[in-house]
Amino acid sequence: MTYSGSAELYDLVYSFKDYADEAAWLVSLVAERRPEAQTLLDVGCGTGRHLQRLRARFDCEGVDLDEALLAAAAERVPGVPLHHADMRTLDLGRTFDVVTCLFSAIGYMLDLDQLHAATAALAKHVAPGGLLLVEPWITPEVWEPGRPHALAAQDDRLAVTRMSRSGADGRISWVEMDYLVSDGTSLERFSERHELGLFTPDEMKTALDATGLEVEHDPAGLIGRGLWIAQKATA
């Protein structure tokens, strides 16, 4: 499931997210591990909020499967090359000093085969000595099916509320989101469903280890979901 149904609302819904602080944290991490890094590929770049800030430090490119989100990113970061592609089969024919996959985009892999395909494709784009940074989805033991969630946000143009319900089918978590959107004169209602794979830390590490990169895990990461840090050996 992609975000096409709510693409124009995406930035408003996630206006609470501190992209500037997250980008600064990533820049600091790269400075410690790969200070000479110049190029960065953000896979699952969404509307380009990380790219908007990371482009001040790196020569950036972005990838996403959702064309509506990519269109929003193209407006936000003009001049940054953006690619419509699936991370499982991604092949840009070049490598980057840093490859990122953030905000749990890797969670849209629904089983171990898809997870291994994605990590292999991501690792293929890492230059010798470069870094792969993957922010995972919630782990099976932490996932709380049936937990209610409500969110409200507004700007000068729109107001939106989002009510969610969640569950699990085996090792696949799902979230159904009902939106109510007002521009002050009309109301629109729509729903969307997202499914994300639930992977243990051992499964994530195994998938990353299989790429041949040297793997570490930061249990906190950017927003408390952890961060997998993998580095390719120098040539």
Protein backbone atom coordinates (compact mmCIF):
# COMPACT_ATOMS: atom_id res chain seq x y z
CA MET A 1 0.00 0.00 0.00
CA THR A 2 1.35 3.44 -0.92
CA TYR A 3 0.34 6.87 0.33
CA SER A 4 -1.28 8.05 -2.92
CA GLY A 5 -4.64 8.50 -1.22
CA SER A 6 -3.21 10.99 1.26
CA ALA A 7 -0.10 12.27 -0.54
CA GLU A 8 -1.18 15.92 -0.47
CA LEU A 9 -1.86 15.60 3.27
CA TYR A 10 1.33 13.73 4.13
CA ASP A 11 3.38 16.74 5.20
CA LEU A 12 0.52 18.20 7.21
CA VAL A 13 -0.16 14.93 9.03
CA TYR A 14 3.53 14.56 9.89
CA SER A 15 4.17 18.24 10.63
CA PHE A 16 5.18 17.21 14.16
CA LYS A 17 8.20 15.32 12.82
CA ASP A 18 11.49 17.21 13.28
CA TYR A 19 13.16 16.58 9.94
CA ALA A 20 15.77 19.28 10.57
CA ASP A 21 16.94 17.64 13.79
CA GLU A 22 16.93 14.18 12.17
CA ALA A 23 18.97 15.42 9.21
CA ALA A 24 21.48 17.06 11.55
CA TRP A 25 21.78 13.79 13.49
CA LEU A 26 22.42 11.87 10.26
CA VAL A 27 25.02 14.39 9.10
CA SER A 28 26.80 14.02 12.44
CA LEU A 29 26.73 10.22 12.19
CA VAL A 30 28.16 10.27 8.68
CA ALA A 31 30.85 12.76 9.78
CA GLU A 32 31.99 10.22 12.37
CA ARG A 33 31.90 7.15 10.12
CA ARG A 34 32.55 8.48 6.61
CA PRO A 35 33.70 12.13 6.84
CA GLU A 36 34.70 12.31 3.18
CA ALA A 37 31.21 11.29 1.99
CA GLN A 38 29.87 13.45 -0.82
CA THR A 39 26.91 11.60 -2.34
CA LEU A 40 23.69 10.33 -0.75
CA LEU A 41 20.74 8.27 -1.99
CA ASP A 42 17.52 8.39 0.06
CA VAL A 43 15.37 5.34 -0.71
CA GLY A 44 11.75 5.81 0.32
CA CYS A 45 12.28 9.56 0.17
CA GLY A 46 8.57 10.40 0.35
CA THR A 47 7.91 14.11 -0.12
CA GLY A 48 11.59 14.98 0.19
CA ARG A 49 11.61 16.41 3.69
CA HIS A 50 14.92 14.74 4.60
CA LEU A 51 16.40 15.53 1.19
CA GLN A 52 15.46 19.18 1.62
CA ARG A 53 17.96 19.40 4.47
CA LEU A 54 20.52 16.77 3.53
CA ARG A 55 21.14 18.41 0.15
CA ALA A 56 22.99 21.21 1.99
CA ARG A 57 25.69 18.67 2.89
CA PHE A 58 25.49 16.01 0.15
CA ASP A 59 24.94 15.65 -3.56
CA CYS A 60 21.57 13.89 -3.18
CA GLU A 61 19.20 11.69 -5.14
CA GLY A 62 15.90 10.14 -4.06
CA VAL A 63 13.82 7.05 -4.76
CA ASP A 64 10.20 6.23 -4.01
CA LEU A 65 7.53 3.84 -5.25
CA ASP A 66 4.70 6.34 -4.79
CA GLU A 67 4.48 8.71 -7.75
CA ALA A 68 2.31 11.22 -5.87
CA LEU A 69 4.90 11.53 -3.10
CA LEU A 70 7.65 11.89 -5.70
CA ALA A 71 5.72 14.71 -7.36
CA ALA A 72 5.62 16.52 -4.02
CA ALA A 73 9.34 15.90 -3.55
CA ALA A 74 10.08 17.29 -7.02
CA GLU A 75 8.43 20.57 -6.00
CA ARG A 76 10.29 20.66 -2.69
CA VAL A 77 13.79 19.82 -3.97
CA PRO A 78 14.02 21.04 -7.57
CA GLY A 79 17.18 19.88 -9.26
CA VAL A 80 17.55 16.75 -7.10
CA PRO A 81 17.30 13.62 -9.29
CA LEU A 82 14.32 11.52 -8.23
CA HIS A 83 13.64 7.95 -9.35
CA HIS A 84 10.37 6.00 -9.40
CA ALA A 85 11.42 2.50 -8.36
CA ASP A 86 10.77 -0.43 -6.03
CA MET A 87 13.53 -0.87 -3.44
CA ARG A 88 13.44 -4.64 -3.98
CA THR A 89 14.55 -4.33 -7.60
CA LEU A 90 16.35 -0.98 -7.45
CA ASP A 91 19.23 -0.68 -9.91
CA LEU A 92 20.45 2.83 -10.69
CA GLY A 93 23.74 1.60 -12.12
CA ARG A 94 25.88 3.64 -9.72
CA THR A 95 26.93 3.80 -6.08
CA PHE A 96 26.73 6.42 -3.34
CA ASP A 97 28.78 7.23 -0.26
CA VAL A 98 25.62 7.07 1.88
CA VAL A 99 22.37 5.20 1.25
CA THR A 100 19.47 5.86 3.62
CA CYS A 101 16.11 4.12 4.06
CA LEU A 102 14.28 6.04 6.78
CA PHE A 103 10.96 6.37 8.62
CA SER A 104 10.42 2.60 8.54
CA ALA A 105 10.05 2.41 4.74
CA ILE A 106 11.74 -1.00 4.95
CA GLY A 107 8.63 -2.19 6.81
CA TYR A 108 6.71 -2.34 3.53
CA MET A 109 8.62 -5.53 2.85
CA LEU A 110 6.10 -8.17 3.91
CA ASP A 111 8.23 -11.29 4.26
CA LEU A 112 11.84 -12.37 4.61
CA ASP A 113 12.32 -12.89 0.88
CA GLN A 114 11.26 -9.31 0.20
CA LEU A 115 13.42 -8.05 3.07
CA HIS A 116 16.51 -9.83 1.74
CA ALA A 117 15.82 -8.56 -1.80
CA ALA A 118 15.56 -5.00 -0.54
CA THR A 119 18.67 -5.06 1.64
CA ALA A 120 20.66 -6.63 -1.21
CA ALA A 121 19.49 -3.93 -3.63
CA LEU A 122 20.25 -1.16 -1.13
CA ALA A 123 23.71 -2.54 -0.38
CA LYS A 124 24.50 -2.77 -4.10
CA HIS A 125 24.25 1.02 -4.25
CA VAL A 126 26.78 1.62 -1.44
CA ALA A 127 30.25 2.70 -2.57
CA PRO A 128 33.37 1.07 -1.06
CA GLY A 129 33.77 2.45 2.46
CA GLY A 130 30.23 3.84 2.31
CA LEU A 131 27.32 3.59 4.73
CA LEU A 132 23.85 2.06 4.57
CA LEU A 133 21.46 3.48 7.20
CA VAL A 134 18.15 1.66 7.66
CA GLU A 135 15.45 2.74 10.11
CA PRO A 136 13.32 -0.34 10.86
CA TRP A 137 9.61 -0.76 11.52
CA ILE A 138 8.37 -1.83 14.93
CA THR A 139 9.42 -5.32 16.01
CA PRO A 140 6.93 -8.18 16.63
CA GLU A 141 7.27 -8.05 20.41
CA VAL A 142 6.61 -4.29 20.51
CA TRP A 143 3.67 -4.19 18.08
CA GLU A 144 0.37 -3.59 19.91
CA PRO A 145 -2.58 -4.67 17.74
CA GLY A 146 -5.85 -3.00 18.59
CA ARG A 147 -4.26 0.13 20.00
CA PRO A 148 -6.44 3.16 19.06
CA HIS A 149 -4.76 6.25 17.67
CA ALA A 150 -5.99 9.71 16.71
CA LEU A 151 -4.16 12.58 15.06
CA ALA A 152 -5.22 16.11 14.15
CA ALA A 153 -3.37 18.82 12.27
CA GLN A 154 -4.12 22.00 10.38
CA ASP A 155 -2.54 24.87 8.49
CA ASP A 156 -3.97 28.00 6.87
CA ARG A 157 -5.57 25.96 4.10
CA LEU A 158 -6.66 22.59 5.51
CA ALA A 159 -7.62 20.78 8.69
CA VAL A 160 -7.36 17.01 8.95
CA THR A 161 -8.16 14.35 11.50
CA ARG A 162 -7.01 10.75 11.20
CA MET A 163 -8.41 7.89 13.23
CA SER A 164 -6.60 4.56 13.08
CA ARG A 165 -7.21 0.98 14.05
CA SER A 166 -4.62 -1.74 13.86
CA GLY A 167 -4.12 -5.47 13.94
CA ALA A 168 -1.90 -8.28 12.72
CA ASP A 169 -2.21 -11.20 10.37
CA GLY A 170 0.61 -13.46 11.45
CA ARG A 171 3.82 -11.50 10.97
CA ILE A 172 2.18 -8.72 8.98
CA SER A 173 0.96 -5.68 10.87
CA TRP A 174 -1.84 -3.60 9.41
CA VAL A 175 -3.20 -0.14 10.06
CA GLU A 176 -6.49 1.17 8.68
CA MET A 177 -6.70 4.97 8.65
CA ASP A 178 -9.89 7.01 8.25
CA TYR A 179 -9.37 10.65 7.23
CA LEU A 180 -11.69 13.63 7.56
CA VAL A 181 -10.43 16.68 5.70
CA SER A 182 -11.88 20.21 5.60
CA ASP A 183 -10.90 23.26 3.59
CA GLY A 184 -13.38 25.39 5.52
CA THR A 185 -16.20 25.01 3.03
CA SER A 186 -16.37 21.26 2.39
CA LEU A 187 -15.60 17.93 4.02
CA GLU A 188 -13.95 14.93 2.41
CA ARG A 189 -13.72 11.45 3.87
CA PHE A 190 -11.52 8.61 2.71
CA SER A 191 -9.70 5.58 4.07
CA GLU A 192 -6.48 3.72 3.38
CA ARG A 193 -4.84 0.55 4.66
CA HIS A 194 -1.13 -0.02 5.21
CA GLU A 195 0.54 -3.39 5.74
CA LEU A 196 4.07 -3.73 7.10
CA GLY A 197 6.18 -6.76 7.90
CA LEU A 198 7.13 -7.48 11.50
CA PHE A 199 10.79 -8.51 11.67
CA THR A 200 12.86 -9.36 14.72
CA PRO A 201 16.23 -7.66 15.26
CA ASP A 202 17.91 -10.99 14.47
CA GLU A 203 16.04 -11.20 11.16
CA MET A 204 17.03 -7.64 10.26
CA LYS A 205 20.67 -8.34 11.14
CA THR A 206 20.69 -11.58 9.16
CA ALA A 207 19.35 -9.79 6.07
CA LEU A 208 21.96 -7.05 6.38
CA ASP A 209 24.77 -9.49 7.18
CA ALA A 210 23.93 -11.34 3.96
CA THR A 211 24.89 -8.24 1.96
CA GLY A 212 28.51 -8.51 3.14
CA LEU A 213 28.47 -5.15 4.92
CA GLU A 214 29.71 -4.74 8.49
CA VAL A 215 26.57 -4.28 10.60
CA GLU A 216 25.86 -2.38 13.84
CA HIS A 217 22.60 -1.52 15.61
CA ASP A 218 21.76 1.70 17.42
CA PRO A 219 18.76 0.78 19.61
CA ALA A 220 17.42 4.35 19.77
CA GLY A 221 18.09 5.78 16.34
CA LEU A 222 16.22 8.83 15.11
CA ILE A 223 12.81 8.39 16.76
CA GLY A 224 13.20 5.44 19.10
CA ARG A 225 12.70 2.65 16.54
CA GLY A 226 16.44 2.04 16.24
CA LEU A 227 18.81 2.41 13.31
CA TRP A 228 20.81 -0.23 11.47
CA ILE A 229 24.24 1.06 10.46
CA ALA A 230 26.09 -0.99 7.85
CA GLN A 231 29.40 -0.11 6.22
CA LYS A 232 30.97 -1.55 3.11
CA ALA A 233 34.63 -2.48 3.20
CA THR A 234 36.98 -0.25 1.24
CA ALA A 235 38.12 -1.59 -2.10
